[in-house]
């Protein structure tokens, strides 16, 4: 079966439009994911700085690591976030906020920094943390957020982009048909 010029123009026009839109949708999705993770990392970084500031204040009041961590657990509160303080030997001194498994705790050395995605009880999390040295006190401070909300927003955006591409395909097909009809009419 041979397609008419009108049909070929419609298909070609629609394919070009859809390819451009799909490429743009992929780029938008990648950028939005990266920006979402960067926003979350920024929030977690600020929370980590707050935790470190409270710990510094508590050490300044003469408290030991356990006492400072206990005080910080009452002063630094963030809904739907997990926070903990661990001693250099890896022993968790205090943990609060949303329940979080600590079995992934890295060995502590001078360069220990936490910034990775991990799965805890089947749920993806984004923790950040670092070893902190304040005077004679050394500890690992970590704050973490579940990626559930970010993943949900990302899925909603992908659905919206898919619907947009489908609507554009229909509009492109109709537009291609109109252009094809006018072109064939002008040639005929």
C-alpha atoms as a PDB file:
ATOM      1  CA  UNK A   1       0.000   0.000   0.000  1.00  0.00           C
ATOM      2  CA  UNK A   2       1.349   3.384  -1.006  1.00  0.00           C
ATOM      3  CA  UNK A   3       0.711   6.394   1.209  1.00  0.00           C
ATOM      4  CA  UNK A   4      -0.467   9.624  -0.316  1.00  0.00           C
ATOM      5  CA  UNK A   5       1.673  12.740  -0.145  1.00  0.00           C
ATOM      6  CA  UNK A   6      -0.739  14.172   2.399  1.00  0.00           C
ATOM      7  CA  UNK A   7      -0.382  11.123   4.656  1.00  0.00           C
ATOM      8  CA  UNK A   8       3.415  11.098   4.327  1.00  0.00           C
ATOM      9  CA  UNK A   9       3.615  14.820   5.191  1.00  0.00           C
ATOM     10  CA  UNK A  10       1.337  14.336   8.188  1.00  0.00           C
ATOM     11  CA  UNK A  11       3.385  11.381   9.495  1.00  0.00           C
ATOM     12  CA  UNK A  12       6.698  13.166   8.885  1.00  0.00           C
ATOM     13  CA  UNK A  13       5.559  16.401  10.544  1.00  0.00           C
ATOM     14  CA  UNK A  14       4.092  14.519  13.523  1.00  0.00           C
ATOM     15  CA  UNK A  15       7.228  12.393  13.955  1.00  0.00           C
ATOM     16  CA  UNK A  16       9.523  15.424  13.957  1.00  0.00           C
ATOM     17  CA  UNK A  17       7.370  17.260  16.497  1.00  0.00           C
ATOM     18  CA  UNK A  18       7.133  14.213  18.769  1.00  0.00           C
ATOM     19  CA  UNK A  19      10.888  13.528  18.592  1.00  0.00           C
ATOM     20  CA  UNK A  20      11.665  17.125  19.534  1.00  0.00           C
ATOM     21  CA  UNK A  21       9.144  17.038  22.383  1.00  0.00           C
ATOM     22  CA  UNK A  22      10.367  13.688  23.710  1.00  0.00           C
ATOM     23  CA  UNK A  23      13.976  14.947  23.683  1.00  0.00           C
ATOM     24  CA  UNK A  24      12.886  18.112  25.505  1.00  0.00           C
ATOM     25  CA  UNK A  25      10.843  16.080  28.016  1.00  0.00           C
ATOM     26  CA  UNK A  26      13.845  13.850  28.773  1.00  0.00           C
ATOM     27  CA  UNK A  27      16.042  16.921  29.296  1.00  0.00           C
ATOM     28  CA  UNK A  28      13.431  18.572  31.539  1.00  0.00           C
ATOM     29  CA  UNK A  29      13.016  15.379  33.578  1.00  0.00           C
ATOM     30  CA  UNK A  30      16.768  15.008  34.105  1.00  0.00           C
ATOM     31  CA  UNK A  31      17.194  18.641  35.116  1.00  0.00           C
ATOM     32  CA  UNK A  32      14.188  18.547  37.460  1.00  0.00           C
ATOM     33  CA  UNK A  33      15.499  15.418  39.211  1.00  0.00           C
ATOM     34  CA  UNK A  34      18.931  16.990  39.657  1.00  0.00           C
ATOM     35  CA  UNK A  35      17.414  20.225  40.973  1.00  0.00           C
ATOM     36  CA  UNK A  36      15.157  18.302  43.360  1.00  0.00           C
ATOM     37  CA  UNK A  37      18.126  16.401  44.790  1.00  0.00           C
ATOM     38  CA  UNK A  38      20.139  19.631  45.050  1.00  0.00           C
ATOM     39  CA  UNK A  39      17.264  21.341  46.929  1.00  0.00           C
ATOM     40  CA  UNK A  40      17.002  18.377  49.290  1.00  0.00           C
ATOM     41  CA  UNK A  41      20.777  18.325  49.810  1.00  0.00           C
ATOM     42  CA  UNK A  42      20.671  22.060  50.554  1.00  0.00           C
ATOM     43  CA  UNK A  43      17.941  21.568  53.140  1.00  0.00           C
ATOM     44  CA  UNK A  44      19.820  18.660  54.714  1.00  0.00           C
ATOM     45  CA  UNK A  45      23.058  20.669  54.679  1.00  0.00           C
ATOM     46  CA  UNK A  46      21.395  23.532  56.554  1.00  0.00           C
ATOM     47  CA  UNK A  47      19.923  21.077  59.044  1.00  0.00           C
ATOM     48  CA  UNK A  48      23.366  19.511  59.525  1.00  0.00           C
ATOM     49  CA  UNK A  49      24.871  22.965  60.175  1.00  0.00           C
ATOM     50  CA  UNK A  50      22.134  23.655  62.721  1.00  0.00           C
ATOM     51  CA  UNK A  51      22.893  20.350  64.451  1.00  0.00           C
ATOM     52  CA  UNK A  52      26.616  21.151  64.510  1.00  0.00           C
ATOM     53  CA  UNK A  53      25.917  24.644  65.890  1.00  0.00           C
ATOM     54  CA  UNK A  54      23.774  23.261  68.706  1.00  0.00           C
ATOM     55  CA  UNK A  55      26.413  20.636  69.503  1.00  0.00           C
ATOM     56  CA  UNK A  56      29.086  23.370  69.606  1.00  0.00           C
ATOM     57  CA  UNK A  57      26.945  25.413  72.021  1.00  0.00           C
ATOM     58  CA  UNK A  58      26.347  22.392  74.246  1.00  0.00           C
ATOM     59  CA  UNK A  59      30.063  21.548  74.331  1.00  0.00           C
ATOM     60  CA  UNK A  60      30.686  25.182  75.266  1.00  0.00           C
ATOM     61  CA  UNK A  61      28.407  24.643  78.267  1.00  0.00           C
ATOM     62  CA  UNK A  62      30.658  21.812  79.437  1.00  0.00           C
ATOM     63  CA  UNK A  63      28.598  18.832  78.285  1.00  0.00           C
ATOM     64  CA  UNK A  64      30.184  15.641  77.012  1.00  0.00           C
ATOM     65  CA  UNK A  65      29.231  14.006  73.699  1.00  0.00           C
ATOM     66  CA  UNK A  66      26.278  12.116  75.175  1.00  0.00           C
ATOM     67  CA  UNK A  67      24.914  15.165  76.985  1.00  0.00           C
ATOM     68  CA  UNK A  68      25.358  17.439  73.981  1.00  0.00           C
ATOM     69  CA  UNK A  69      23.650  14.908  71.682  1.00  0.00           C
ATOM     70  CA  UNK A  70      20.762  14.480  74.130  1.00  0.00           C
ATOM     71  CA  UNK A  71      20.279  18.263  74.279  1.00  0.00           C
ATOM     72  CA  UNK A  72      20.524  18.543  70.487  1.00  0.00           C
ATOM     73  CA  UNK A  73      17.828  15.895  70.101  1.00  0.00           C
ATOM     74  CA  UNK A  74      15.380  18.162  71.918  1.00  0.00           C
ATOM     75  CA  UNK A  75      16.466  21.385  70.209  1.00  0.00           C
ATOM     76  CA  UNK A  76      16.924  20.330  66.582  1.00  0.00           C
ATOM     77  CA  UNK A  77      13.585  19.037  65.356  1.00  0.00           C
ATOM     78  CA  UNK A  78      12.677  18.519  61.703  1.00  0.00           C
ATOM     79  CA  UNK A  79       9.526  16.702  60.666  1.00  0.00           C
ATOM     80  CA  UNK A  80      10.014  13.645  58.481  1.00  0.00           C
ATOM     81  CA  UNK A  81      13.810  13.738  58.844  1.00  0.00           C
ATOM     82  CA  UNK A  82      16.152  11.419  60.712  1.00  0.00           C
ATOM     83  CA  UNK A  83      19.166  12.667  62.642  1.00  0.00           C
ATOM     84  CA  UNK A  84      21.834  10.990  64.660  1.00  0.00           C
ATOM     85  CA  UNK A  85      25.159  11.533  66.329  1.00  0.00           C
ATOM     86  CA  UNK A  86      27.731   8.743  66.534  1.00  0.00           C
ATOM     87  CA  UNK A  87      30.934   8.484  68.524  1.00  0.00           C
ATOM     88  CA  UNK A  88      34.258   7.874  66.731  1.00  0.00           C
ATOM     89  CA  UNK A  89      34.012   4.162  67.535  1.00  0.00           C
ATOM     90  CA  UNK A  90      30.755   4.007  65.533  1.00  0.00           C
ATOM     91  CA  UNK A  91      28.481   3.753  68.585  1.00  0.00           C
ATOM     92  CA  UNK A  92      25.324   5.775  68.011  1.00  0.00           C
ATOM     93  CA  UNK A  93      25.071   8.231  70.887  1.00  0.00           C
ATOM     94  CA  UNK A  94      21.666   9.657  69.950  1.00  0.00           C
ATOM     95  CA  UNK A  95      19.204   9.243  67.143  1.00  0.00           C
ATOM     96  CA  UNK A  96      15.897  11.034  66.720  1.00  0.00           C
ATOM     97  CA  UNK A  97      13.287  12.015  64.196  1.00  0.00           C
ATOM     98  CA  UNK A  98      11.952   9.503  61.734  1.00  0.00           C
ATOM     99  CA  UNK A  99      13.027   5.899  62.339  1.00  0.00           C
ATOM    100  CA  UNK A 100      16.175   5.067  60.438  1.00  0.00           C
ATOM    101  CA  UNK A 101      18.342   1.919  60.333  1.00  0.00           C
ATOM    102  CA  UNK A 102      21.966   2.632  61.125  1.00  0.00           C
ATOM    103  CA  UNK A 103      23.526  -0.606  59.859  1.00  0.00           C
ATOM    104  CA  UNK A 104      25.089   1.240  56.909  1.00  0.00           C
ATOM    105  CA  UNK A 105      27.176   3.524  59.150  1.00  0.00           C
ATOM    106  CA  UNK A 106      30.581   4.003  57.487  1.00  0.00           C
ATOM    107  CA  UNK A 107      33.855   3.599  59.381  1.00  0.00           C
ATOM    108  CA  UNK A 108      34.908   6.909  60.873  1.00  0.00           C
ATOM    109  CA  UNK A 109      38.148   8.470  59.811  1.00  0.00           C
ATOM    110  CA  UNK A 110      39.268  12.034  59.152  1.00  0.00           C
ATOM    111  CA  UNK A 111      37.708  12.042  55.681  1.00  0.00           C
ATOM    112  CA  UNK A 112      34.386  10.362  56.425  1.00  0.00           C
ATOM    113  CA  UNK A 113      31.595  12.174  54.639  1.00  0.00           C
ATOM    114  CA  UNK A 114      28.159  10.797  53.935  1.00  0.00           C
ATOM    115  CA  UNK A 115      26.319  11.746  50.753  1.00  0.00           C
ATOM    116  CA  UNK A 116      24.713   8.814  49.033  1.00  0.00           C
ATOM    117  CA  UNK A 117      21.346   7.298  48.377  1.00  0.00           C
ATOM    118  CA  UNK A 118      20.516   4.137  50.253  1.00  0.00           C
ATOM    119  CA  UNK A 119      17.558   1.901  50.874  1.00  0.00           C
ATOM    120  CA  UNK A 120      16.333   1.368  54.416  1.00  0.00           C
ATOM    121  CA  UNK A 121      13.584  -1.195  54.908  1.00  0.00           C
ATOM    122  CA  UNK A 122      12.657  -0.921  51.230  1.00  0.00           C
ATOM    123  CA  UNK A 123      12.422   2.879  51.323  1.00  0.00           C
ATOM    124  CA  UNK A 124      14.946   5.125  49.514  1.00  0.00           C
ATOM    125  CA  UNK A 125      16.721   7.732  51.682  1.00  0.00           C
ATOM    126  CA  UNK A 126      19.188  10.537  51.108  1.00  0.00           C
ATOM    127  CA  UNK A 127      21.554  11.003  54.082  1.00  0.00           C
ATOM    128  CA  UNK A 128      24.327  13.548  54.398  1.00  0.00           C
ATOM    129  CA  UNK A 129      26.782  13.848  57.199  1.00  0.00           C
ATOM    130  CA  UNK A 130      30.356  14.309  58.198  1.00  0.00           C
ATOM    131  CA  UNK A 131      32.863  13.865  60.963  1.00  0.00           C
ATOM    132  CA  UNK A 132      32.962  16.988  63.133  1.00  0.00           C
ATOM    133  CA  UNK A 133      35.863  18.059  65.328  1.00  0.00           C
ATOM    134  CA  UNK A 134      35.047  20.669  67.954  1.00  0.00           C
ATOM    135  CA  UNK A 135      37.883  21.125  70.400  1.00  0.00           C
ATOM    136  CA  UNK A 136      38.569  17.722  71.910  1.00  0.00           C
ATOM    137  CA  UNK A 137      35.189  16.377  70.781  1.00  0.00           C
ATOM    138  CA  UNK A 138      34.893  14.256  67.651  1.00  0.00           C
ATOM    139  CA  UNK A 139      31.688  12.749  66.311  1.00  0.00           C
ATOM    140  CA  UNK A 140      29.776  11.858  63.160  1.00  0.00           C
ATOM    141  CA  UNK A 141      26.640  13.924  62.550  1.00  0.00           C
ATOM    142  CA  UNK A 142      24.123  12.660  59.993  1.00  0.00           C
ATOM    143  CA  UNK A 143      20.763  13.956  58.811  1.00  0.00           C
ATOM    144  CA  UNK A 144      18.630  12.036  56.349  1.00  0.00           C
ATOM    145  CA  UNK A 145      15.411  12.447  54.407  1.00  0.00           C
ATOM    146  CA  UNK A 146      13.246   9.861  52.703  1.00  0.00           C
ATOM    147  CA  UNK A 147      13.134  10.248  48.918  1.00  0.00           C
ATOM    148  CA  UNK A 148       9.466   9.270  48.824  1.00  0.00           C
ATOM    149  CA  UNK A 149       8.206  12.851  48.349  1.00  0.00           C
ATOM    150  CA  UNK A 150      10.826  13.677  45.707  1.00  0.00           C
ATOM    151  CA  UNK A 151      10.066  10.438  43.836  1.00  0.00           C
ATOM    152  CA  UNK A 152       6.326  11.195  43.976  1.00  0.00           C
ATOM    153  CA  UNK A 153       6.818  14.687  42.525  1.00  0.00           C
ATOM    154  CA  UNK A 154       9.075  13.257  39.832  1.00  0.00           C
ATOM    155  CA  UNK A 155       6.481  10.634  38.841  1.00  0.00           C
ATOM    156  CA  UNK A 156       3.777  13.318  38.635  1.00  0.00           C
ATOM    157  CA  UNK A 157       6.012  15.433  36.418  1.00  0.00           C
ATOM    158  CA  UNK A 158       6.703  12.446  34.129  1.00  0.00           C
ATOM    159  CA  UNK A 159       2.969  11.791  33.807  1.00  0.00           C
ATOM    160  CA  UNK A 160       2.344  15.454  32.953  1.00  0.00           C
ATOM    161  CA  UNK A 161       5.134  15.388  30.372  1.00  0.00           C
ATOM    162  CA  UNK A 162       3.752  12.180  28.817  1.00  0.00           C
ATOM    163  CA  UNK A 163       0.266  13.702  28.572  1.00  0.00           C
ATOM    164  CA  UNK A 164       1.780  16.849  27.054  1.00  0.00           C
ATOM    165  CA  UNK A 165       3.653  14.811  24.434  1.00  0.00           C
ATOM    166  CA  UNK A 166       0.463  12.882  23.558  1.00  0.00           C
ATOM    167  CA  UNK A 167      -1.551  16.092  23.216  1.00  0.00           C
ATOM    168  CA  UNK A 168       1.235  17.549  21.065  1.00  0.00           C
ATOM    169  CA  UNK A 169       1.160  14.405  18.894  1.00  0.00           C
ATOM    170  CA  UNK A 170      -2.576  14.858  18.269  1.00  0.00           C
ATOM    171  CA  UNK A 171      -2.134  18.575  17.532  1.00  0.00           C
ATOM    172  CA  UNK A 172       0.849  17.821  15.260  1.00  0.00           C
ATOM    173  CA  UNK A 173      -1.135  15.157  13.375  1.00  0.00           C
ATOM    174  CA  UNK A 174      -4.059  17.519  12.874  1.00  0.00           C
ATOM    175  CA  UNK A 175      -1.719  20.358  11.870  1.00  0.00           C
ATOM    176  CA  UNK A 176       0.206  18.045   9.547  1.00  0.00           C
ATOM    177  CA  UNK A 177      -3.059  16.940   7.948  1.00  0.00           C
ATOM    178  CA  UNK A 178      -4.132  20.555   7.379  1.00  0.00           C
ATOM    179  CA  UNK A 179      -0.734  21.501   5.946  1.00  0.00           C
ATOM    180  CA  UNK A 180      -0.719  18.357   3.800  1.00  0.00           C
ATOM    181  CA  UNK A 181      -4.203  19.131   2.463  1.00  0.00           C
ATOM    182  CA  UNK A 182      -3.200  22.719   1.622  1.00  0.00           C
ATOM    183  CA  UNK A 183       0.044  21.552  -0.018  1.00  0.00           C
ATOM    184  CA  UNK A 184      -1.686  18.854  -2.072  1.00  0.00           C
ATOM    185  CA  UNK A 185      -4.439  21.329  -2.993  1.00  0.00           C
ATOM    186  CA  UNK A 186      -1.845  23.884  -4.128  1.00  0.00           C
ATOM    187  CA  UNK A 187      -0.005  21.269  -6.207  1.00  0.00           C
ATOM    188  CA  UNK A 188      -3.150  19.765  -7.690  1.00  0.00           C
END
